[in-house]
Amino acid sequence: MALSRRLTAEFIATFWLVLGGCGSAVLTATFPEVGIGILGVVLAFGLTVPTMAYAFGHLE
């Protein structure tokens, strides 16, 4: 049961990283007038990791 929880947490965290980080990069490249820029992409990648570590860190 613990392995199933860990794999589910890994899947959700990877989905969150791809959605947040890569999504912001695509948004910046496609619509440069939106204004998030490179700093927004860096912050998106940087903040997705701690949010998932905080959410699922207890499943180590």
PDB file of N, CA and C in Angstrom:
ATOM      1  N   MET A   1       0.817  -1.192   0.000  1.00  0.00           N
ATOM      2  CA  MET A   1       0.000   0.000   0.000  1.00  0.00           C
ATOM      3  C   MET A   1       0.860   1.255   0.000  1.00  0.00           C
ATOM      4  N   ALA A   2       1.970   1.220   0.694  1.00  0.00           N
ATOM      5  CA  ALA A   2       2.840   2.397   0.751  1.00  0.00           C
ATOM      6  C   ALA A   2       3.441   2.698  -0.616  1.00  0.00           C
ATOM      7  N   LEU A   3       3.764   1.651  -1.392  1.00  0.00           N
ATOM      8  CA  LEU A   3       4.326   1.865  -2.718  1.00  0.00           C
ATOM      9  C   LEU A   3       3.303   2.526  -3.634  1.00  0.00           C
ATOM     10  N   SER A   4       2.062   2.123  -3.519  1.00  0.00           N
ATOM     11  CA  SER A   4       1.013   2.721  -4.341  1.00  0.00           C
ATOM     12  C   SER A   4       0.846   4.205  -4.028  1.00  0.00           C
ATOM     13  N   ARG A   5       0.907   4.573  -2.763  1.00  0.00           N
ATOM     14  CA  ARG A   5       0.804   5.981  -2.369  1.00  0.00           C
ATOM     15  C   ARG A   5       1.989   6.777  -2.889  1.00  0.00           C
ATOM     16  N   ARG A   6       3.156   6.188  -2.820  1.00  0.00           N
ATOM     17  CA  ARG A   6       4.360   6.882  -3.301  1.00  0.00           C
ATOM     18  C   ARG A   6       4.317   7.098  -4.804  1.00  0.00           C
ATOM     19  N   LEU A   7       3.884   6.085  -5.531  1.00  0.00           N
ATOM     20  CA  LEU A   7       3.795   6.215  -6.983  1.00  0.00           C
ATOM     21  C   LEU A   7       2.734   7.237  -7.386  1.00  0.00           C
ATOM     22  N   THR A   8       1.637   7.269  -6.667  1.00  0.00           N
ATOM     23  CA  THR A   8       0.603   8.266  -6.936  1.00  0.00           C
ATOM     24  C   THR A   8       1.126   9.665  -6.654  1.00  0.00           C
ATOM     25  N   ALA A   9       1.840   9.824  -5.545  1.00  0.00           N
ATOM     26  CA  ALA A   9       2.425  11.126  -5.209  1.00  0.00           C
ATOM     27  C   ALA A   9       3.458  11.540  -6.256  1.00  0.00           C
ATOM     28  N   GLU A  10       4.247  10.602  -6.731  1.00  0.00           N
ATOM     29  CA  GLU A  10       5.240  10.895  -7.764  1.00  0.00           C
ATOM     30  C   GLU A  10       4.563  11.336  -9.060  1.00  0.00           C
ATOM     31  N   PHE A  11       3.495  10.653  -9.429  1.00  0.00           N
ATOM     32  CA  PHE A  11       2.756  11.014 -10.631  1.00  0.00           C
ATOM     33  C   PHE A  11       2.168  12.419 -10.519  1.00  0.00           C
ATOM     34  N   ILE A  12       1.537  12.717  -9.398  1.00  0.00           N
ATOM     35  CA  ILE A  12       0.924  14.033  -9.214  1.00  0.00           C
ATOM     36  C   ILE A  12       1.984  15.127  -9.195  1.00  0.00           C
ATOM     37  N   ALA A  13       3.091  14.887  -8.518  1.00  0.00           N
ATOM     38  CA  ALA A  13       4.158  15.890  -8.448  1.00  0.00           C
ATOM     39  C   ALA A  13       4.788  16.128  -9.818  1.00  0.00           C
ATOM     40  N   THR A  14       4.987  15.074 -10.596  1.00  0.00           N
ATOM     41  CA  THR A  14       5.537  15.237 -11.944  1.00  0.00           C
ATOM     42  C   THR A  14       4.563  15.976 -12.839  1.00  0.00           C
ATOM     43  N   PHE A  15       3.284  15.651 -12.715  1.00  0.00           N
ATOM     44  CA  PHE A  15       2.259  16.364 -13.481  1.00  0.00           C
ATOM     45  C   PHE A  15       2.259  17.847 -13.124  1.00  0.00           C
ATOM     46  N   TRP A  16       2.371  18.156 -11.849  1.00  0.00           N
ATOM     47  CA  TRP A  16       2.385  19.543 -11.385  1.00  0.00           C
ATOM     48  C   TRP A  16       3.609  20.286 -11.926  1.00  0.00           C
ATOM     49  N   LEU A  17       4.760  19.628 -11.924  1.00  0.00           N
ATOM     50  CA  LEU A  17       5.987  20.254 -12.442  1.00  0.00           C
ATOM     51  C   LEU A  17       5.869  20.532 -13.938  1.00  0.00           C
ATOM     52  N   VAL A  18       5.364  19.563 -14.683  1.00  0.00           N
ATOM     53  CA  VAL A  18       5.216  19.753 -16.128  1.00  0.00           C
ATOM     54  C   VAL A  18       4.164  20.816 -16.423  1.00  0.00           C
ATOM     55  N   LEU A  19       3.039  20.769 -15.713  1.00  0.00           N
ATOM     56  CA  LEU A  19       1.983  21.746 -15.942  1.00  0.00           C
ATOM     57  C   LEU A  19       2.446  23.156 -15.578  1.00  0.00           C
ATOM     58  N   GLY A  20       3.049  23.307 -14.421  1.00  0.00           N
ATOM     59  CA  GLY A  20       3.463  24.632 -13.966  1.00  0.00           C
ATOM     60  C   GLY A  20       4.695  25.159 -14.664  1.00  0.00           C
ATOM     61  N   GLY A  21       5.739  24.363 -14.704  1.00  0.00           N
ATOM     62  CA  GLY A  21       7.009  24.817 -15.275  1.00  0.00           C
ATOM     63  C   GLY A  21       6.997  24.887 -16.786  1.00  0.00           C
ATOM     64  N   CYS A  22       6.707  23.771 -17.420  1.00  0.00           N
ATOM     65  CA  CYS A  22       6.708  23.748 -18.882  1.00  0.00           C
ATOM     66  C   CYS A  22       5.553  24.560 -19.452  1.00  0.00           C
ATOM     67  N   GLY A  23       4.434  24.575 -18.750  1.00  0.00           N
ATOM     68  CA  GLY A  23       3.313  25.388 -19.198  1.00  0.00           C
ATOM     69  C   GLY A  23       3.653  26.865 -19.208  1.00  0.00           C
ATOM     70  N   SER A  24       4.361  27.329 -18.199  1.00  0.00           N
ATOM     71  CA  SER A  24       4.757  28.738 -18.174  1.00  0.00           C
ATOM     72  C   SER A  24       5.786  29.045 -19.258  1.00  0.00           C
ATOM     73  N   ALA A  25       6.670  28.095 -19.548  1.00  0.00           N
ATOM     74  CA  ALA A  25       7.644  28.307 -20.615  1.00  0.00           C
ATOM     75  C   ALA A  25       6.958  28.405 -21.979  1.00  0.00           C
ATOM     76  N   VAL A  26       5.982  27.536 -22.214  1.00  0.00           N
ATOM     77  CA  VAL A  26       5.231  27.589 -23.471  1.00  0.00           C
ATOM     78  C   VAL A  26       4.424  28.879 -23.557  1.00  0.00           C
ATOM     79  N   LEU A  27       3.836  29.282 -22.446  1.00  0.00           N
ATOM     80  CA  LEU A  27       3.070  30.526 -22.409  1.00  0.00           C
ATOM     81  C   LEU A  27       3.953  31.719 -22.730  1.00  0.00           C
ATOM     82  N   THR A  28       5.150  31.739 -22.181  1.00  0.00           N
ATOM     83  CA  THR A  28       6.084  32.839 -22.446  1.00  0.00           C
ATOM     84  C   THR A  28       6.535  32.860 -23.899  1.00  0.00           C
ATOM     85  N   ALA A  29       6.811  31.685 -24.454  1.00  0.00           N
ATOM     86  CA  ALA A  29       7.276  31.629 -25.835  1.00  0.00           C
ATOM     87  C   ALA A  29       6.163  31.970 -26.829  1.00  0.00           C
ATOM     88  N   THR A  30       4.945  31.567 -26.516  1.00  0.00           N
ATOM     89  CA  THR A  30       3.832  31.778 -27.432  1.00  0.00           C
ATOM     90  C   THR A  30       3.271  33.191 -27.353  1.00  0.00           C
ATOM     91  N   PHE A  31       3.144  33.698 -26.144  1.00  0.00           N
ATOM     92  CA  PHE A  31       2.551  35.019 -25.923  1.00  0.00           C
ATOM     93  C   PHE A  31       3.505  35.905 -25.137  1.00  0.00           C
ATOM     94  N   PRO A  32       4.507  36.477 -25.779  1.00  0.00           N
ATOM     95  CA  PRO A  32       5.480  37.286 -25.034  1.00  0.00           C
ATOM     96  C   PRO A  32       4.877  38.550 -24.433  1.00  0.00           C
ATOM     97  N   GLU A  33       3.742  39.003 -24.954  1.00  0.00           N
ATOM     98  CA  GLU A  33       3.132  40.209 -24.407  1.00  0.00           C
ATOM     99  C   GLU A  33       2.406  39.963 -23.084  1.00  0.00           C
ATOM    100  N   VAL A  34       2.256  38.695 -22.687  1.00  0.00           N
ATOM    101  CA  VAL A  34       1.592  38.394 -21.415  1.00  0.00           C
ATOM    102  C   VAL A  34       2.384  38.970 -20.250  1.00  0.00           C
ATOM    103  N   GLY A  35       3.695  38.876 -20.320  1.00  0.00           N
ATOM    104  CA  GLY A  35       4.519  39.563 -19.359  1.00  0.00           C
ATOM    105  C   GLY A  35       5.122  38.739 -18.239  1.00  0.00           C
ATOM    106  N   ILE A  36       5.051  37.385 -18.287  1.00  0.00           N
ATOM    107  CA  ILE A  36       5.687  36.653 -17.195  1.00  0.00           C
ATOM    108  C   ILE A  36       7.191  36.532 -17.412  1.00  0.00           C
ATOM    109  N   GLY A  37       7.626  36.469 -18.634  1.00  0.00           N
ATOM    110  CA  GLY A  37       9.048  36.487 -18.966  1.00  0.00           C
ATOM    111  C   GLY A  37       9.845  35.338 -18.372  1.00  0.00           C
ATOM    112  N   ILE A  38      11.154  35.479 -18.467  1.00  0.00           N
ATOM    113  CA  ILE A  38      12.060  34.438 -17.985  1.00  0.00           C
ATOM    114  C   ILE A  38      11.978  34.300 -16.472  1.00  0.00           C
ATOM    115  N   LEU A  39      11.840  35.412 -15.782  1.00  0.00           N
ATOM    116  CA  LEU A  39      11.733  35.358 -14.321  1.00  0.00           C
ATOM    117  C   LEU A  39      10.485  34.584 -13.896  1.00  0.00           C
ATOM    118  N   GLY A  40       9.406  34.744 -14.610  1.00  0.00           N
ATOM    119  CA  GLY A  40       8.196  33.990 -14.305  1.00  0.00           C
ATOM    120  C   GLY A  40       8.371  32.500 -14.515  1.00  0.00           C
ATOM    121  N   VAL A  41       9.092  32.123 -15.555  1.00  0.00           N
ATOM    122  CA  VAL A  41       9.365  30.704 -15.806  1.00  0.00           C
ATOM    123  C   VAL A  41      10.243  30.132 -14.698  1.00  0.00           C
ATOM    124  N   VAL A  42      11.252  30.891 -14.315  1.00  0.00           N
ATOM    125  CA  VAL A  42      12.145  30.442 -13.236  1.00  0.00           C
ATOM    126  C   VAL A  42      11.366  30.279 -11.934  1.00  0.00           C
ATOM    127  N   LEU A  43      10.521  31.239 -11.625  1.00  0.00           N
ATOM    128  CA  LEU A  43       9.715  31.146 -10.407  1.00  0.00           C
ATOM    129  C   LEU A  43       8.722  29.993 -10.476  1.00  0.00           C
ATOM    130  N   ALA A  44       8.162  29.745 -11.636  1.00  0.00           N
ATOM    131  CA  ALA A  44       7.211  28.634 -11.774  1.00  0.00           C
ATOM    132  C   ALA A  44       7.903  27.305 -11.506  1.00  0.00           C
ATOM    133  N   PHE A  45       9.072  27.098 -12.104  1.00  0.00           N
ATOM    134  CA  PHE A  45       9.816  25.862 -11.839  1.00  0.00           C
ATOM    135  C   PHE A  45      10.267  25.804 -10.383  1.00  0.00           C
ATOM    136  N   GLY A  46      10.731  26.933  -9.877  1.00  0.00           N
ATOM    137  CA  GLY A  46      11.242  26.952  -8.511  1.00  0.00           C
ATOM    138  C   GLY A  46      10.178  26.757  -7.452  1.00  0.00           C
ATOM    139  N   LEU A  47       8.964  27.181  -7.717  1.00  0.00           N
ATOM    140  CA  LEU A  47       7.914  27.059  -6.718  1.00  0.00           C
ATOM    141  C   LEU A  47       7.119  25.763  -6.808  1.00  0.00           C
ATOM    142  N   THR A  48       7.169  25.092  -7.948  1.00  0.00           N
ATOM    143  CA  THR A  48       6.452  23.822  -8.038  1.00  0.00           C
ATOM    144  C   THR A  48       7.135  22.736  -7.203  1.00  0.00           C
ATOM    145  N   VAL A  49       8.441  22.757  -7.143  1.00  0.00           N
ATOM    146  CA  VAL A  49       9.161  21.731  -6.373  1.00  0.00           C
ATOM    147  C   VAL A  49       8.873  21.845  -4.873  1.00  0.00           C
ATOM    148  N   PRO A  50       8.996  23.030  -4.257  1.00  0.00           N
ATOM    149  CA  PRO A  50       8.685  23.093  -2.822  1.00  0.00           C
ATOM    150  C   PRO A  50       7.213  22.844  -2.489  1.00  0.00           C
ATOM    151  N   THR A  51       6.308  23.214  -3.388  1.00  0.00           N
ATOM    152  CA  THR A  51       4.902  22.956  -3.077  1.00  0.00           C
ATOM    153  C   THR A  51       4.614  21.461  -3.041  1.00  0.00           C
ATOM    154  N   MET A  52       5.209  20.714  -3.943  1.00  0.00           N
ATOM    155  CA  MET A  52       4.997  19.269  -3.924  1.00  0.00           C
ATOM    156  C   MET A  52       5.783  18.605  -2.793  1.00  0.00           C
ATOM    157  N   ALA A  53       6.945  19.123  -2.457  1.00  0.00           N
ATOM    158  CA  ALA A  53       7.685  18.584  -1.316  1.00  0.00           C
ATOM    159  C   ALA A  53       6.904  18.812  -0.025  1.00  0.00           C
ATOM    160  N   TYR A  54       6.272  19.967   0.068  1.00  0.00           N
ATOM    161  CA  TYR A  54       5.452  20.258   1.240  1.00  0.00           C
ATOM    162  C   TYR A  54       4.192  19.400   1.260  1.00  0.00           C
ATOM    163  N   ALA A  55       3.604  19.181   0.113  1.00  0.00           N
ATOM    164  CA  ALA A  55       2.363  18.415   0.045  1.00  0.00           C
ATOM    165  C   ALA A  55       2.577  16.922   0.253  1.00  0.00           C
ATOM    166  N   PHE A  56       3.655  16.373  -0.298  1.00  0.00           N
ATOM    167  CA  PHE A  56       3.861  14.932  -0.268  1.00  0.00           C
ATOM    168  C   PHE A  56       5.136  14.500   0.442  1.00  0.00           C
ATOM    169  N   GLY A  57       5.783  15.406   1.136  1.00  0.00           N
ATOM    170  CA  GLY A  57       7.041  15.069   1.809  1.00  0.00           C
ATOM    171  C   GLY A  57       6.901  14.031   2.899  1.00  0.00           C
ATOM    172  N   HIS A  58       5.741  13.910   3.472  1.00  0.00           N
ATOM    173  CA  HIS A  58       5.531  12.952   4.557  1.00  0.00           C
ATOM    174  C   HIS A  58       5.441  11.503   4.051  1.00  0.00           C
ATOM    175  N   LEU A  59       5.441  11.307   2.753  1.00  0.00           N
ATOM    176  CA  LEU A  59       5.338   9.958   2.183  1.00  0.00           C
ATOM    177  C   LEU A  59       6.685   9.330   1.879  1.00  0.00           C
ATOM    178  N   GLU A  60       7.743   9.882   2.394  1.00  0.00           N
ATOM    179  CA  GLU A  60       9.091   9.371   2.086  1.00  0.00           C
ATOM    180  C   GLU A  60       9.143   7.931   2.355  1.00  0.00           C
TER     181      GLU A  60
END
